[in-house]
């Protein structure tokens, strides 16, 4: 299940050896994920996934892309999204989806 994490302040820390301020910084390309116990928190860049999509299809396409991302990361075709995630994507309307969103996989 994917849930929305409204506060991302826990990711910021002091500067580490490679000059990054994030604790779980990885050099290779890919999503920024942070492991905490059983749950895994990720930041999904919706902006690059909705580039070139028409205005009236952006929010539905963003939800489809989030589900696709979750299927790939979790390795299962059975993905449920929480209503808070849906409300966060649709908060600014169908056209103005947020650029990035912080999610927590359970």
N, C-alpha and C. Protein backbone atom coordinates (compact mmCIF):
# COMPACT_ATOMS: atom_id res chain seq x y z
N UNK A 1 0.84 -1.17 0.00
CA UNK A 1 0.00 0.00 0.00
C UNK A 1 0.89 1.23 0.00
N UNK A 2 0.52 2.23 -0.79
CA UNK A 2 1.28 3.46 -0.87
C UNK A 2 0.52 4.55 -0.12
N UNK A 3 1.21 5.24 0.76
CA UNK A 3 0.60 6.35 1.49
C UNK A 3 1.41 7.61 1.26
N UNK A 4 0.78 8.74 1.46
CA UNK A 4 1.41 10.04 1.26
C UNK A 4 2.08 10.49 2.54
N UNK A 5 3.33 10.98 2.43
CA UNK A 5 4.06 11.52 3.57
C UNK A 5 4.18 13.01 3.41
N UNK A 6 3.42 13.79 4.17
CA UNK A 6 3.43 15.24 3.96
C UNK A 6 4.70 15.93 4.40
N UNK A 7 5.38 15.46 5.42
CA UNK A 7 6.58 16.16 5.88
C UNK A 7 7.81 15.40 5.43
N UNK A 8 8.68 16.09 4.72
CA UNK A 8 9.91 15.47 4.25
C UNK A 8 11.11 16.01 4.99
N UNK A 9 10.90 16.66 6.10
CA UNK A 9 11.99 17.25 6.86
C UNK A 9 12.92 16.24 7.48
N UNK A 10 12.46 15.00 7.63
CA UNK A 10 13.31 13.99 8.25
C UNK A 10 14.44 13.55 7.33
N UNK A 11 14.36 13.88 6.02
CA UNK A 11 15.41 13.48 5.10
C UNK A 11 16.65 14.36 5.24
N UNK A 12 16.47 15.60 5.70
CA UNK A 12 17.59 16.53 5.74
C UNK A 12 18.45 16.27 6.97
N UNK A 13 19.72 16.32 6.78
CA UNK A 13 20.66 16.12 7.88
C UNK A 13 21.87 16.99 7.66
N UNK A 14 22.98 16.63 8.26
CA UNK A 14 24.20 17.40 8.07
C UNK A 14 24.88 16.97 6.78
N UNK A 15 25.84 17.74 6.34
CA UNK A 15 26.57 17.41 5.12
C UNK A 15 27.45 16.19 5.38
N UNK A 16 27.37 15.21 4.47
CA UNK A 16 28.20 14.02 4.63
C UNK A 16 29.40 14.09 3.69
N UNK A 17 30.11 12.99 3.50
CA UNK A 17 31.40 12.99 2.84
C UNK A 17 31.35 13.39 1.37
N UNK A 18 30.25 13.13 0.66
CA UNK A 18 30.20 13.49 -0.75
C UNK A 18 29.56 14.86 -0.98
N UNK A 19 29.34 15.64 0.06
CA UNK A 19 28.83 16.99 -0.07
C UNK A 19 27.32 17.09 -0.08
N UNK A 20 26.65 15.96 0.04
CA UNK A 20 25.20 15.98 0.03
C UNK A 20 24.67 16.16 1.44
N UNK A 21 23.51 16.82 1.56
CA UNK A 21 22.91 17.00 2.88
C UNK A 21 21.94 15.88 3.21
N UNK A 22 21.65 15.02 2.29
CA UNK A 22 20.72 13.93 2.54
C UNK A 22 21.47 12.73 3.10
N UNK A 23 20.80 12.03 4.02
CA UNK A 23 21.46 10.90 4.68
C UNK A 23 21.62 9.71 3.74
N UNK A 24 20.57 9.37 3.02
CA UNK A 24 20.59 8.16 2.20
C UNK A 24 20.96 8.43 0.76
N UNK A 25 21.81 9.41 0.48
CA UNK A 25 22.15 9.78 -0.89
C UNK A 25 22.86 8.65 -1.59
N UNK A 26 22.43 8.38 -2.83
CA UNK A 26 23.07 7.34 -3.64
C UNK A 26 23.67 7.98 -4.87
N UNK A 27 24.82 7.49 -5.30
CA UNK A 27 25.49 8.05 -6.46
C UNK A 27 24.83 7.61 -7.76
N UNK A 28 24.32 6.38 -7.83
CA UNK A 28 23.72 5.92 -9.07
C UNK A 28 22.35 6.56 -9.27
N UNK A 29 21.89 6.56 -10.52
CA UNK A 29 20.61 7.19 -10.83
C UNK A 29 19.46 6.32 -10.35
N UNK A 30 18.35 6.95 -10.08
CA UNK A 30 17.17 6.23 -9.62
C UNK A 30 16.43 7.05 -8.59
N UNK A 31 15.34 6.53 -8.08
CA UNK A 31 14.55 7.28 -7.10
C UNK A 31 15.28 7.36 -5.76
N UNK A 32 15.03 8.45 -5.04
CA UNK A 32 15.60 8.60 -3.71
C UNK A 32 14.73 7.84 -2.73
N UNK A 33 15.28 6.79 -2.15
CA UNK A 33 14.53 5.97 -1.20
C UNK A 33 15.29 5.93 0.12
N UNK A 34 14.55 5.87 1.18
CA UNK A 34 15.11 5.85 2.52
C UNK A 34 14.49 4.68 3.28
N UNK A 35 15.32 3.77 3.79
CA UNK A 35 14.83 2.59 4.49
C UNK A 35 14.72 2.90 5.97
N UNK A 36 13.56 2.59 6.55
CA UNK A 36 13.34 2.80 7.97
C UNK A 36 12.53 1.64 8.51
N UNK A 37 13.20 0.65 9.06
CA UNK A 37 12.49 -0.50 9.60
C UNK A 37 11.82 -1.30 8.50
N UNK A 38 10.54 -1.56 8.65
CA UNK A 38 9.80 -2.33 7.65
C UNK A 38 9.31 -1.44 6.51
N UNK A 39 9.12 -0.16 6.76
CA UNK A 39 8.59 0.75 5.75
C UNK A 39 9.71 1.34 4.93
N UNK A 40 9.39 1.71 3.70
CA UNK A 40 10.36 2.33 2.82
C UNK A 40 9.75 3.61 2.27
N UNK A 41 10.46 4.70 2.39
CA UNK A 41 9.97 6.01 1.95
C UNK A 41 10.70 6.41 0.68
N UNK A 42 9.96 6.90 -0.30
CA UNK A 42 10.55 7.31 -1.57
C UNK A 42 10.00 8.67 -1.99
N UNK A 43 10.79 9.36 -2.78
CA UNK A 43 10.36 10.59 -3.42
C UNK A 43 10.22 10.30 -4.90
N UNK A 44 9.02 10.50 -5.43
CA UNK A 44 8.76 10.22 -6.84
C UNK A 44 8.68 11.54 -7.58
N UNK A 45 9.44 11.64 -8.68
CA UNK A 45 9.43 12.84 -9.50
C UNK A 45 8.30 12.70 -10.52
N UNK A 46 7.18 13.33 -10.23
CA UNK A 46 6.02 13.25 -11.12
C UNK A 46 6.21 14.18 -12.32
N UNK A 47 6.99 15.23 -12.14
CA UNK A 47 7.16 16.23 -13.19
C UNK A 47 7.73 15.62 -14.46
N UNK A 48 8.74 14.78 -14.33
CA UNK A 48 9.34 14.19 -15.53
C UNK A 48 8.43 13.11 -16.13
N UNK A 49 7.55 12.53 -15.34
CA UNK A 49 6.66 11.51 -15.86
C UNK A 49 5.41 12.09 -16.50
N UNK A 50 5.08 13.35 -16.20
CA UNK A 50 3.90 13.97 -16.79
C UNK A 50 4.27 15.00 -17.85
N UNK A 51 5.52 15.07 -18.24
CA UNK A 51 5.95 16.02 -19.26
C UNK A 51 5.36 15.61 -20.61
N UNK A 52 4.73 16.56 -21.30
CA UNK A 52 4.17 16.28 -22.61
C UNK A 52 2.76 15.73 -22.57
N UNK A 53 2.18 15.58 -21.39
CA UNK A 53 0.83 15.07 -21.25
C UNK A 53 -0.14 16.25 -21.28
N UNK A 54 -1.27 16.08 -21.92
CA UNK A 54 -2.26 17.16 -21.99
C UNK A 54 -2.78 17.53 -20.62
N UNK A 55 -3.26 18.78 -20.51
CA UNK A 55 -3.67 19.30 -19.21
C UNK A 55 -4.76 18.46 -18.56
N UNK A 56 -5.73 18.03 -19.30
CA UNK A 56 -6.87 17.33 -18.71
C UNK A 56 -6.58 15.87 -18.39
N UNK A 57 -5.36 15.43 -18.62
CA UNK A 57 -5.00 14.04 -18.32
C UNK A 57 -3.84 13.93 -17.34
N UNK A 58 -3.39 15.05 -16.81
CA UNK A 58 -2.19 15.01 -15.96
C UNK A 58 -2.39 14.29 -14.63
N UNK A 59 -3.44 14.61 -13.89
CA UNK A 59 -3.64 13.96 -12.59
C UNK A 59 -3.93 12.47 -12.74
N UNK A 60 -4.79 12.04 -13.68
CA UNK A 60 -4.97 10.59 -13.85
C UNK A 60 -3.69 9.89 -14.29
N UNK A 61 -2.90 10.53 -15.15
CA UNK A 61 -1.65 9.91 -15.60
C UNK A 61 -0.65 9.84 -14.46
N UNK A 62 -0.65 10.84 -13.58
CA UNK A 62 0.26 10.83 -12.44
C UNK A 62 -0.05 9.66 -11.52
N UNK A 63 -1.32 9.39 -11.29
CA UNK A 63 -1.68 8.23 -10.44
C UNK A 63 -1.29 6.92 -11.10
N UNK A 64 -1.44 6.84 -12.42
CA UNK A 64 -1.01 5.63 -13.13
C UNK A 64 0.49 5.44 -13.03
N UNK A 65 1.24 6.54 -13.14
CA UNK A 65 2.70 6.46 -13.05
C UNK A 65 3.15 6.09 -11.64
N UNK A 66 2.44 6.57 -10.62
CA UNK A 66 2.78 6.21 -9.24
C UNK A 66 2.54 4.71 -9.03
N UNK A 67 1.43 4.21 -9.55
CA UNK A 67 1.16 2.77 -9.43
C UNK A 67 2.22 1.94 -10.18
N UNK A 68 2.62 2.42 -11.36
CA UNK A 68 3.64 1.72 -12.14
C UNK A 68 4.97 1.70 -11.39
N UNK A 69 5.32 2.83 -10.77
CA UNK A 69 6.54 2.91 -9.97
C UNK A 69 6.47 1.94 -8.78
N UNK A 70 5.31 1.87 -8.13
CA UNK A 70 5.15 0.99 -6.97
C UNK A 70 5.24 -0.48 -7.38
N UNK A 71 4.68 -0.82 -8.53
CA UNK A 71 4.78 -2.20 -9.02
C UNK A 71 6.23 -2.59 -9.25
N UNK A 72 7.01 -1.66 -9.82
CA UNK A 72 8.41 -1.95 -10.09
C UNK A 72 9.23 -2.06 -8.81
N UNK A 73 9.00 -1.15 -7.87
CA UNK A 73 9.79 -1.13 -6.63
C UNK A 73 9.42 -2.29 -5.70
N UNK A 74 8.13 -2.59 -5.60
CA UNK A 74 7.69 -3.62 -4.66
C UNK A 74 7.74 -5.01 -5.27
N UNK A 75 7.77 -5.09 -6.60
CA UNK A 75 7.87 -6.39 -7.26
C UNK A 75 6.58 -7.18 -7.22
N UNK A 76 5.44 -6.52 -7.16
CA UNK A 76 4.17 -7.22 -7.14
C UNK A 76 3.17 -6.45 -8.00
N UNK A 77 2.29 -7.15 -8.72
CA UNK A 77 1.29 -6.45 -9.52
C UNK A 77 0.11 -5.96 -8.69
N UNK A 78 0.04 -6.35 -7.41
CA UNK A 78 -1.08 -6.00 -6.55
C UNK A 78 -0.72 -4.77 -5.72
N UNK A 79 -1.11 -3.57 -6.20
CA UNK A 79 -0.76 -2.32 -5.53
C UNK A 79 -2.04 -1.57 -5.17
N UNK A 80 -2.15 -1.13 -3.92
CA UNK A 80 -3.28 -0.32 -3.47
C UNK A 80 -2.74 1.05 -3.07
N UNK A 81 -3.45 2.11 -3.46
CA UNK A 81 -3.04 3.45 -3.06
C UNK A 81 -4.03 3.99 -2.04
N UNK A 82 -3.51 4.72 -1.10
CA UNK A 82 -4.32 5.29 -0.03
C UNK A 82 -5.07 6.52 -0.55
N UNK A 83 -6.17 6.86 0.10
CA UNK A 83 -6.95 8.02 -0.33
C UNK A 83 -6.18 9.32 -0.10
N UNK A 84 -5.29 9.36 0.89
CA UNK A 84 -4.49 10.57 1.12
C UNK A 84 -3.55 10.85 -0.05
N UNK A 85 -3.04 9.78 -0.68
CA UNK A 85 -2.19 9.96 -1.86
C UNK A 85 -3.01 10.52 -3.01
N UNK A 86 -4.21 10.01 -3.19
CA UNK A 86 -5.10 10.50 -4.24
C UNK A 86 -5.44 11.98 -4.01
N UNK A 87 -5.75 12.34 -2.78
CA UNK A 87 -6.07 13.73 -2.46
C UNK A 87 -4.86 14.64 -2.65
N UNK A 88 -3.66 14.14 -2.36
CA UNK A 88 -2.46 14.96 -2.52
C UNK A 88 -2.17 15.23 -3.99
N UNK A 89 -2.41 14.25 -4.85
CA UNK A 89 -2.18 14.45 -6.28
C UNK A 89 -3.21 15.42 -6.86
N UNK A 90 -4.46 15.29 -6.44
CA UNK A 90 -5.55 16.11 -6.97
C UNK A 90 -5.72 17.43 -6.22
N UNK A 91 -4.88 17.76 -5.25
CA UNK A 91 -5.07 18.94 -4.40
C UNK A 91 -5.09 20.25 -5.20
N UNK A 92 -4.26 20.35 -6.22
CA UNK A 92 -4.20 21.59 -7.00
C UNK A 92 -4.96 21.48 -8.32
N UNK A 93 -5.77 20.46 -8.46
CA UNK A 93 -6.59 20.32 -9.65
C UNK A 93 -6.03 19.29 -10.62
N UNK A 94 -6.71 19.16 -11.75
CA UNK A 94 -6.33 18.15 -12.74
C UNK A 94 -5.09 18.57 -13.51
N UNK A 95 -4.87 19.89 -13.65
CA UNK A 95 -3.76 20.38 -14.47
C UNK A 95 -2.46 20.53 -13.70
N UNK A 96 -2.54 21.01 -12.46
CA UNK A 96 -1.34 21.40 -11.70
C UNK A 96 -0.98 20.35 -10.66
N UNK A 97 -0.51 19.21 -11.11
CA UNK A 97 -0.09 18.18 -10.16
C UNK A 97 1.24 18.59 -9.54
N UNK A 98 1.54 18.15 -8.31
CA UNK A 98 2.81 18.52 -7.69
C UNK A 98 4.00 17.93 -8.46
N UNK A 99 5.13 18.62 -8.41
CA UNK A 99 6.32 18.16 -9.14
C UNK A 99 6.88 16.89 -8.53
N UNK A 100 6.94 16.84 -7.22
CA UNK A 100 7.44 15.65 -6.51
C UNK A 100 6.47 15.30 -5.41
N UNK A 101 6.49 14.02 -5.05
CA UNK A 101 5.62 13.58 -3.96
C UNK A 101 6.38 12.54 -3.15
N UNK A 102 6.23 12.61 -1.84
CA UNK A 102 6.88 11.68 -0.93
C UNK A 102 5.88 10.59 -0.57
N UNK A 103 6.25 9.34 -0.79
CA UNK A 103 5.35 8.23 -0.51
C UNK A 103 6.04 7.25 0.43
N UNK A 104 5.22 6.48 1.10
CA UNK A 104 5.70 5.46 2.02
C UNK A 104 5.08 4.13 1.61
N UNK A 105 5.93 3.14 1.37
CA UNK A 105 5.45 1.83 0.96
C UNK A 105 5.30 0.94 2.18
N UNK A 106 4.19 0.24 2.23
CA UNK A 106 3.93 -0.66 3.37
C UNK A 106 3.73 -2.07 2.88
